[in-house]
N, C-alpha and C. Protein backbone atom coordinates (compact mmCIF):
# COMPACT_ATOMS: atom_id res chain seq x y z
N MET A 1 82.73 60.43 112.53
CA MET A 1 83.46 60.30 111.22
C MET A 1 83.43 61.72 110.70
N ASP A 2 84.66 62.20 110.27
CA ASP A 2 84.94 63.49 109.56
C ASP A 2 83.96 63.49 108.22
N ILE A 3 83.42 64.72 107.92
CA ILE A 3 82.55 64.83 106.72
C ILE A 3 83.37 64.47 105.63
N ARG A 4 84.57 64.85 105.41
CA ARG A 4 85.42 64.35 104.26
C ARG A 4 85.62 62.86 104.14
N ASP A 5 85.80 62.27 105.21
CA ASP A 5 85.79 60.77 105.29
C ASP A 5 84.51 60.12 104.91
N GLN A 6 83.35 60.82 105.31
CA GLN A 6 82.00 60.30 104.98
C GLN A 6 81.84 60.30 103.37
N ILE A 7 82.14 61.35 102.86
CA ILE A 7 82.04 61.67 101.27
C ILE A 7 82.85 60.71 100.70
N LYS A 8 84.11 60.62 101.06
CA LYS A 8 84.97 59.60 100.43
C LYS A 8 84.55 58.19 100.43
N GLU A 9 83.93 57.70 101.64
CA GLU A 9 83.54 56.52 101.90
C GLU A 9 82.29 56.16 100.93
N LYS A 10 81.41 57.16 101.15
CA LYS A 10 80.06 56.93 100.31
C LYS A 10 80.29 56.92 98.85
N LEU A 11 81.22 57.82 98.24
CA LEU A 11 81.23 57.98 96.98
C LEU A 11 82.33 56.91 96.32
N GLY A 12 83.37 56.69 97.22
CA GLY A 12 84.33 55.71 96.84
C GLY A 12 84.89 55.88 95.46
N LYS A 13 84.93 54.84 94.54
CA LYS A 13 85.57 54.90 93.19
C LYS A 13 84.95 56.05 92.28
N LYS A 14 83.70 56.49 92.73
CA LYS A 14 83.01 57.56 91.81
C LYS A 14 83.88 58.92 91.63
N ILE A 15 84.67 58.93 92.95
CA ILE A 15 85.61 60.15 92.91
C ILE A 15 86.93 59.83 92.04
N MET A 16 87.14 60.52 90.90
CA MET A 16 88.24 60.44 90.05
C MET A 16 89.34 61.09 90.44
N GLN A 17 88.95 62.30 91.14
CA GLN A 17 90.24 63.11 91.69
C GLN A 17 89.62 63.98 92.91
N TRP A 18 90.53 64.09 93.76
CA TRP A 18 90.09 64.83 95.07
C TRP A 18 91.18 65.80 95.35
N HIS A 19 90.86 67.01 95.52
CA HIS A 19 92.03 68.04 95.70
C HIS A 19 91.33 68.98 96.93
N GLU A 20 92.24 69.04 97.94
CA GLU A 20 91.81 70.01 98.91
C GLU A 20 92.74 71.25 98.78
N HIS A 21 92.01 72.21 98.14
CA HIS A 21 92.55 73.51 97.89
C HIS A 21 92.74 74.40 99.24
N SER A 22 92.00 74.19 100.20
CA SER A 22 92.23 74.86 101.43
C SER A 22 91.34 74.03 102.50
N SER A 23 91.46 74.48 103.68
CA SER A 23 90.71 73.59 104.76
C SER A 23 89.13 73.93 104.39
N ARG A 24 88.68 75.12 103.71
CA ARG A 24 87.35 75.30 103.52
C ARG A 24 86.98 75.12 102.05
N ARG A 25 87.78 74.54 101.21
CA ARG A 25 87.22 74.41 99.75
C ARG A 25 87.99 73.20 99.31
N VAL A 26 87.22 72.21 98.82
CA VAL A 26 87.45 70.82 98.40
C VAL A 26 86.87 70.72 96.84
N TYR A 27 87.68 70.17 96.07
CA TYR A 27 87.32 69.97 94.70
C TYR A 27 87.32 68.36 94.38
N LEU A 28 86.25 67.85 93.83
CA LEU A 28 86.31 66.60 93.44
C LEU A 28 85.71 66.43 92.08
N SER A 29 86.39 65.49 91.31
CA SER A 29 86.02 65.18 89.89
C SER A 29 85.30 64.06 89.77
N VAL A 30 84.15 63.96 89.03
CA VAL A 30 83.37 62.81 88.85
C VAL A 30 83.03 62.53 87.34
N SER A 31 82.54 61.37 86.83
CA SER A 31 82.21 61.29 85.47
C SER A 31 80.85 61.70 85.31
N ARG A 32 80.50 62.03 84.06
CA ARG A 32 79.21 62.68 83.67
C ARG A 32 78.22 61.69 84.06
N GLN A 33 78.42 60.39 83.93
CA GLN A 33 77.59 59.26 84.12
C GLN A 33 77.24 59.13 85.79
N ASP A 34 78.09 59.77 86.57
CA ASP A 34 77.91 59.61 88.08
C ASP A 34 77.21 60.81 88.65
N ILE A 35 77.11 61.87 87.92
CA ILE A 35 76.75 63.14 88.61
C ILE A 35 75.43 63.15 89.40
N PHE A 36 74.49 62.43 88.89
CA PHE A 36 73.11 62.43 89.54
C PHE A 36 73.18 61.60 90.78
N GLY A 37 73.84 60.57 90.75
CA GLY A 37 74.06 59.66 91.99
C GLY A 37 75.02 60.38 93.09
N VAL A 38 76.05 61.04 92.48
CA VAL A 38 76.78 61.80 93.35
C VAL A 38 76.10 63.02 94.23
N ALA A 39 75.28 63.82 93.19
CA ALA A 39 74.54 64.95 93.83
C ALA A 39 73.51 64.28 94.88
N GLU A 40 72.88 63.17 94.53
CA GLU A 40 71.77 62.62 95.48
C GLU A 40 72.56 62.12 96.80
N CYS A 41 73.74 61.56 96.79
CA CYS A 41 74.42 61.25 97.99
C CYS A 41 74.87 62.39 98.76
N LEU A 42 75.38 63.39 98.24
CA LEU A 42 75.73 64.61 98.82
C LEU A 42 74.71 65.41 99.45
N PHE A 43 73.60 65.46 98.91
CA PHE A 43 72.46 66.19 99.16
C PHE A 43 71.47 65.44 100.23
N LYS A 44 71.24 64.24 99.93
CA LYS A 44 70.37 63.32 100.84
C LYS A 44 70.98 62.66 101.86
N GLN A 45 72.13 62.08 101.56
CA GLN A 45 72.93 61.34 102.61
C GLN A 45 73.81 61.95 103.38
N VAL A 46 74.66 62.85 102.95
CA VAL A 46 75.46 63.65 103.61
C VAL A 46 75.09 64.91 104.19
N ALA A 47 73.93 65.34 103.50
CA ALA A 47 73.12 66.51 104.00
C ALA A 47 73.91 67.86 103.74
N LEU A 48 74.54 67.89 102.48
CA LEU A 48 74.98 69.20 102.12
C LEU A 48 74.16 69.93 101.39
N ARG A 49 74.34 71.25 101.38
CA ARG A 49 73.32 72.14 100.76
C ARG A 49 73.76 72.40 99.29
N PHE A 50 72.84 72.22 98.31
CA PHE A 50 73.36 72.69 96.91
C PHE A 50 73.36 74.32 96.94
N ALA A 51 74.48 74.80 96.60
CA ALA A 51 74.71 76.34 96.62
C ALA A 51 74.31 76.93 95.14
N THR A 52 74.97 76.25 94.09
CA THR A 52 75.04 76.88 92.75
C THR A 52 75.66 75.89 91.95
N ALA A 53 75.85 76.15 90.54
CA ALA A 53 76.63 75.56 89.63
C ALA A 53 77.30 76.63 88.61
N SER A 54 78.27 76.17 88.11
CA SER A 54 78.86 77.06 87.01
C SER A 54 79.44 76.25 85.92
N ALA A 55 79.42 76.86 84.79
CA ALA A 55 79.96 76.03 83.53
C ALA A 55 80.79 76.93 82.69
N VAL A 56 81.75 76.30 81.95
CA VAL A 56 82.44 76.98 81.08
C VAL A 56 82.90 76.17 79.89
N GLN A 57 83.00 76.77 78.72
CA GLN A 57 83.55 76.16 77.66
C GLN A 57 85.07 75.94 77.63
N ILE A 58 85.66 74.80 77.54
CA ILE A 58 86.89 74.54 77.56
C ILE A 58 87.48 74.10 76.21
N PRO A 59 88.83 74.05 75.88
CA PRO A 59 89.21 73.54 74.50
C PRO A 59 88.61 72.22 74.08
N SER A 60 88.49 71.29 75.20
CA SER A 60 87.95 69.84 74.84
C SER A 60 86.58 69.79 74.97
N GLY A 61 85.84 70.75 75.26
CA GLY A 61 84.31 70.60 75.48
C GLY A 61 83.81 71.57 76.48
N PHE A 62 83.23 71.02 77.72
CA PHE A 62 82.65 72.02 78.69
C PHE A 62 82.98 71.35 79.93
N GLU A 63 82.94 72.14 80.99
CA GLU A 63 83.25 71.83 82.35
C GLU A 63 82.19 72.45 83.15
N ILE A 64 81.45 71.54 84.04
CA ILE A 64 80.30 72.08 84.95
C ILE A 64 80.99 71.73 86.34
N VAL A 65 80.75 72.71 87.27
CA VAL A 65 81.27 72.67 88.58
C VAL A 65 79.99 72.83 89.41
N TYR A 66 79.63 71.98 90.25
CA TYR A 66 78.31 71.96 91.11
C TYR A 66 79.03 72.15 92.50
N HIS A 67 78.43 73.25 93.27
CA HIS A 67 78.89 73.66 94.47
C HIS A 67 78.00 73.27 95.51
N PHE A 68 78.43 72.44 96.37
CA PHE A 68 77.57 72.06 97.68
C PHE A 68 78.54 72.61 98.98
N SER A 69 77.64 73.07 99.87
CA SER A 69 77.98 73.63 101.03
C SER A 69 77.68 72.75 102.41
N HIS A 70 78.79 72.50 103.14
CA HIS A 70 78.58 72.05 104.50
C HIS A 70 78.58 73.12 105.42
N ASP A 71 77.22 73.63 105.76
CA ASP A 71 77.17 74.92 106.38
C ASP A 71 77.70 74.87 107.72
N ALA A 72 77.49 73.79 108.49
CA ALA A 72 78.03 73.59 109.82
C ALA A 72 79.58 73.66 109.97
N GLY A 73 80.09 73.27 108.88
CA GLY A 73 81.66 73.32 108.88
C GLY A 73 82.40 74.42 108.11
N GLY A 74 81.38 75.06 107.36
CA GLY A 74 81.95 76.14 106.58
C GLY A 74 82.95 75.79 105.26
N THR A 75 82.61 74.59 104.66
CA THR A 75 83.39 74.06 103.73
C THR A 75 82.45 73.96 102.43
N ILE A 76 83.03 74.28 101.15
CA ILE A 76 82.37 74.19 99.97
C ILE A 76 83.09 72.93 99.23
N TYR A 77 82.16 72.12 98.98
CA TYR A 77 82.63 71.05 97.96
C TYR A 77 82.14 71.12 96.54
N SER A 78 83.23 71.35 95.79
CA SER A 78 82.73 71.54 94.53
C SER A 78 83.15 70.30 93.48
N VAL A 79 82.02 69.96 92.85
CA VAL A 79 82.07 68.72 92.05
C VAL A 79 82.27 68.99 90.63
N ARG A 80 83.44 68.58 89.89
CA ARG A 80 83.59 68.95 88.70
C ARG A 80 83.12 67.78 87.75
N VAL A 81 82.57 68.23 86.54
CA VAL A 81 82.09 67.19 85.50
C VAL A 81 82.71 67.79 84.19
N LEU A 82 83.36 67.01 83.51
CA LEU A 82 83.88 67.22 82.00
C LEU A 82 83.06 66.57 81.14
N LEU A 83 82.46 67.47 80.17
CA LEU A 83 81.91 67.01 79.05
C LEU A 83 82.58 67.31 77.76
N GLU A 84 83.45 66.11 77.39
CA GLU A 84 84.21 66.29 76.35
C GLU A 84 83.70 65.38 75.19
N GLY A 85 84.06 65.89 73.97
CA GLY A 85 83.69 65.21 72.75
C GLY A 85 82.36 64.92 72.42
N THR A 86 81.42 65.53 72.98
CA THR A 86 80.02 65.31 72.51
C THR A 86 79.28 66.71 71.97
N GLU A 87 78.70 66.49 70.98
CA GLU A 87 78.04 67.65 70.53
C GLU A 87 76.53 67.03 69.97
N PRO A 88 75.53 67.59 70.51
CA PRO A 88 75.30 68.70 71.59
C PRO A 88 75.85 68.10 72.95
N PRO A 89 76.44 68.97 73.77
CA PRO A 89 76.80 68.44 75.08
C PRO A 89 75.48 68.07 75.88
N ALA A 90 75.67 67.11 76.76
CA ALA A 90 74.55 66.80 77.62
C ALA A 90 75.09 66.02 78.85
N VAL A 91 74.15 66.21 79.92
CA VAL A 91 74.43 65.52 81.30
C VAL A 91 73.19 65.36 82.08
N ASP A 92 73.04 64.42 82.90
CA ASP A 92 71.74 64.34 83.72
C ASP A 92 71.56 65.46 84.52
N SER A 93 70.39 65.99 84.61
CA SER A 93 69.91 67.08 85.52
C SER A 93 69.93 66.53 86.89
N ILE A 94 70.38 67.47 87.79
CA ILE A 94 70.31 67.15 89.22
C ILE A 94 69.10 67.80 89.95
N THR A 95 68.27 68.57 89.19
CA THR A 95 66.97 69.08 89.51
C THR A 95 66.08 68.22 90.20
N PRO A 96 65.95 66.96 89.76
CA PRO A 96 65.02 65.89 90.41
C PRO A 96 65.37 65.73 91.93
N VAL A 97 66.73 65.79 92.25
CA VAL A 97 67.24 65.62 93.66
C VAL A 97 67.33 66.84 94.17
N CYS A 98 67.84 67.90 93.60
CA CYS A 98 68.14 69.30 94.29
C CYS A 98 67.12 70.25 93.49
N SER A 99 66.08 70.55 93.86
CA SER A 99 65.13 71.33 93.18
C SER A 99 65.72 72.87 92.92
N ALA A 100 66.66 73.22 93.86
CA ALA A 100 67.33 74.43 93.65
C ALA A 100 68.21 74.64 92.44
N ALA A 101 68.58 73.60 91.83
CA ALA A 101 69.34 73.48 90.69
C ALA A 101 68.53 73.90 89.25
N GLU A 102 67.16 73.90 89.45
CA GLU A 102 66.46 74.26 88.38
C GLU A 102 66.74 75.30 87.47
N TRP A 103 66.92 76.62 88.00
CA TRP A 103 67.21 77.78 87.34
C TRP A 103 68.43 77.83 86.81
N ILE A 104 69.72 77.48 87.74
CA ILE A 104 70.94 77.56 87.05
C ILE A 104 71.14 76.54 85.83
N GLU A 105 70.58 75.50 85.92
CA GLU A 105 70.74 74.40 84.84
C GLU A 105 69.96 75.04 83.69
N ARG A 106 68.90 75.83 83.73
CA ARG A 106 68.20 76.50 82.71
C ARG A 106 69.11 77.53 82.06
N GLU A 107 69.76 78.36 83.11
CA GLU A 107 70.75 79.44 82.57
C GLU A 107 71.86 78.81 81.82
N ILE A 108 72.41 77.62 82.23
CA ILE A 108 73.60 77.06 81.58
C ILE A 108 73.13 76.44 80.25
N TRP A 109 72.10 75.87 80.21
CA TRP A 109 71.39 75.28 78.76
C TRP A 109 71.36 76.56 77.94
N GLU A 110 70.76 77.60 78.41
CA GLU A 110 70.38 78.70 77.53
C GLU A 110 71.75 79.51 77.03
N MET A 111 72.65 79.57 77.90
CA MET A 111 73.86 80.41 77.55
C MET A 111 74.87 79.50 76.83
N LEU A 112 75.05 78.28 77.10
CA LEU A 112 76.06 77.44 76.60
C LEU A 112 75.66 76.17 75.85
N GLY A 113 74.36 75.97 75.85
CA GLY A 113 73.67 74.84 74.98
C GLY A 113 73.96 73.62 75.54
N ILE A 114 74.21 73.39 76.97
CA ILE A 114 74.40 72.06 77.38
C ILE A 114 73.01 71.53 77.77
N ASN A 115 72.60 70.51 77.48
CA ASN A 115 71.38 69.79 77.57
C ASN A 115 71.42 69.00 79.02
N PHE A 116 70.27 69.40 79.77
CA PHE A 116 70.37 68.73 81.06
C PHE A 116 69.15 67.63 81.05
N ILE A 117 69.65 66.22 80.86
CA ILE A 117 68.54 65.21 80.58
C ILE A 117 67.67 65.08 81.80
N ASN A 118 66.47 64.86 81.48
CA ASN A 118 65.34 64.81 82.49
C ASN A 118 65.07 66.00 83.47
N HIS A 119 65.51 67.09 82.92
CA HIS A 119 65.25 68.44 83.50
C HIS A 119 63.76 68.66 83.45
N PRO A 120 63.06 69.04 84.52
CA PRO A 120 61.43 69.00 84.55
C PRO A 120 60.98 70.34 83.83
N ASN A 121 61.79 71.37 83.53
CA ASN A 121 61.32 72.60 82.85
C ASN A 121 62.25 73.32 82.16
N LEU A 122 62.86 72.66 81.21
CA LEU A 122 64.08 73.29 80.47
C LEU A 122 63.36 74.07 79.37
N LYS A 123 63.27 75.51 79.70
CA LYS A 123 62.88 76.50 78.66
C LYS A 123 63.56 77.76 79.05
N ARG A 124 63.50 78.55 78.29
CA ARG A 124 64.19 79.90 78.40
C ARG A 124 63.87 80.83 79.71
N LEU A 125 65.06 81.19 80.20
CA LEU A 125 65.13 81.91 81.42
C LEU A 125 65.46 83.52 81.15
N LEU A 126 66.37 83.74 80.57
CA LEU A 126 67.08 85.05 80.29
C LEU A 126 66.98 85.66 78.86
N LEU A 127 66.94 84.80 78.01
CA LEU A 127 66.95 85.41 76.54
C LEU A 127 65.49 85.60 76.16
N ALA A 128 65.33 86.39 75.16
CA ALA A 128 64.02 86.64 74.54
C ALA A 128 63.56 85.41 73.89
N GLU A 129 62.22 85.47 73.85
CA GLU A 129 61.53 84.12 73.34
C GLU A 129 61.92 83.97 71.73
N ASP A 130 62.21 85.01 71.09
CA ASP A 130 62.61 85.03 69.72
C ASP A 130 64.09 84.86 69.47
N TRP A 131 64.86 84.66 70.43
CA TRP A 131 66.38 84.57 70.37
C TRP A 131 66.49 83.17 69.37
N PRO A 132 67.52 83.27 68.44
CA PRO A 132 67.63 82.31 67.42
C PRO A 132 68.05 80.99 68.20
N ASP A 133 67.48 79.87 67.88
CA ASP A 133 67.86 78.46 68.34
C ASP A 133 69.18 78.12 67.94
N GLY A 134 69.96 77.55 68.79
CA GLY A 134 71.41 77.21 68.51
C GLY A 134 72.29 78.17 68.52
N ASN A 135 72.04 79.49 69.03
CA ASN A 135 72.81 80.49 68.92
C ASN A 135 72.92 80.77 70.80
N TYR A 136 74.26 80.20 71.12
CA TYR A 136 74.50 80.39 72.60
C TYR A 136 75.44 81.47 72.98
N PRO A 137 74.95 82.49 73.76
CA PRO A 137 75.90 83.71 73.85
C PRO A 137 77.11 83.66 74.55
N LEU A 138 77.32 82.51 75.34
CA LEU A 138 78.62 82.20 76.06
C LEU A 138 79.36 81.27 75.44
N ARG A 139 79.02 80.74 74.20
CA ARG A 139 80.01 79.82 73.47
C ARG A 139 80.98 80.57 72.59
N LYS A 140 82.15 80.02 72.75
CA LYS A 140 83.20 80.69 71.90
C LYS A 140 83.03 80.43 70.40
N LYS A 141 83.37 81.26 69.68
CA LYS A 141 83.24 80.95 68.20
C LYS A 141 84.39 79.89 67.74
N GLN A 142 83.80 79.00 66.99
CA GLN A 142 84.68 77.95 66.44
C GLN A 142 85.50 78.60 65.22
N ASP A 143 86.72 78.26 65.01
CA ASP A 143 87.48 78.77 63.88
C ASP A 143 87.12 77.95 62.60
C-alpha cells in the first residue's frame, strides 16, 4: 500500500483537509485535540521522521505546522493545527511521542506564548532568564 494511502487509512476522519502541493509535499489539517494521536501514528505506526515544527500568529489565533519526513520516498508531510479563539493558546505536546520536538516546542512557547500541555521540560531556551513573563517577541501587537 502506498504511504499516502496508509496515512489516510490510519488517520481516517482525523484528517480535516488533505492537500498535495506537489509529489513531494503534502499538507494535512487536523484538530488540536487530535495532534498527539496523529503524531503518534505518523511517528510510530507509519515510521515517519519528525523533522521540525513552525508556528505563526494569524488573525484568528495561531497556526502550528508539524513537519514529518518520509525519508525513503523523499516526501514531507506537514500537519497543520489551528489554535483559534483561546487565550492563552494551548495544545498537547508531541514531545512524549517524538523527543526531537522538545526544543522546537520550547522555542514556540517562548517566542509566541503557546503552551504545550504535558511538555516534560517547558522552560526558557533562547531568552534571558530575566525576560518579562507574558512578553512574547514574535507576537503581533494588539490594536
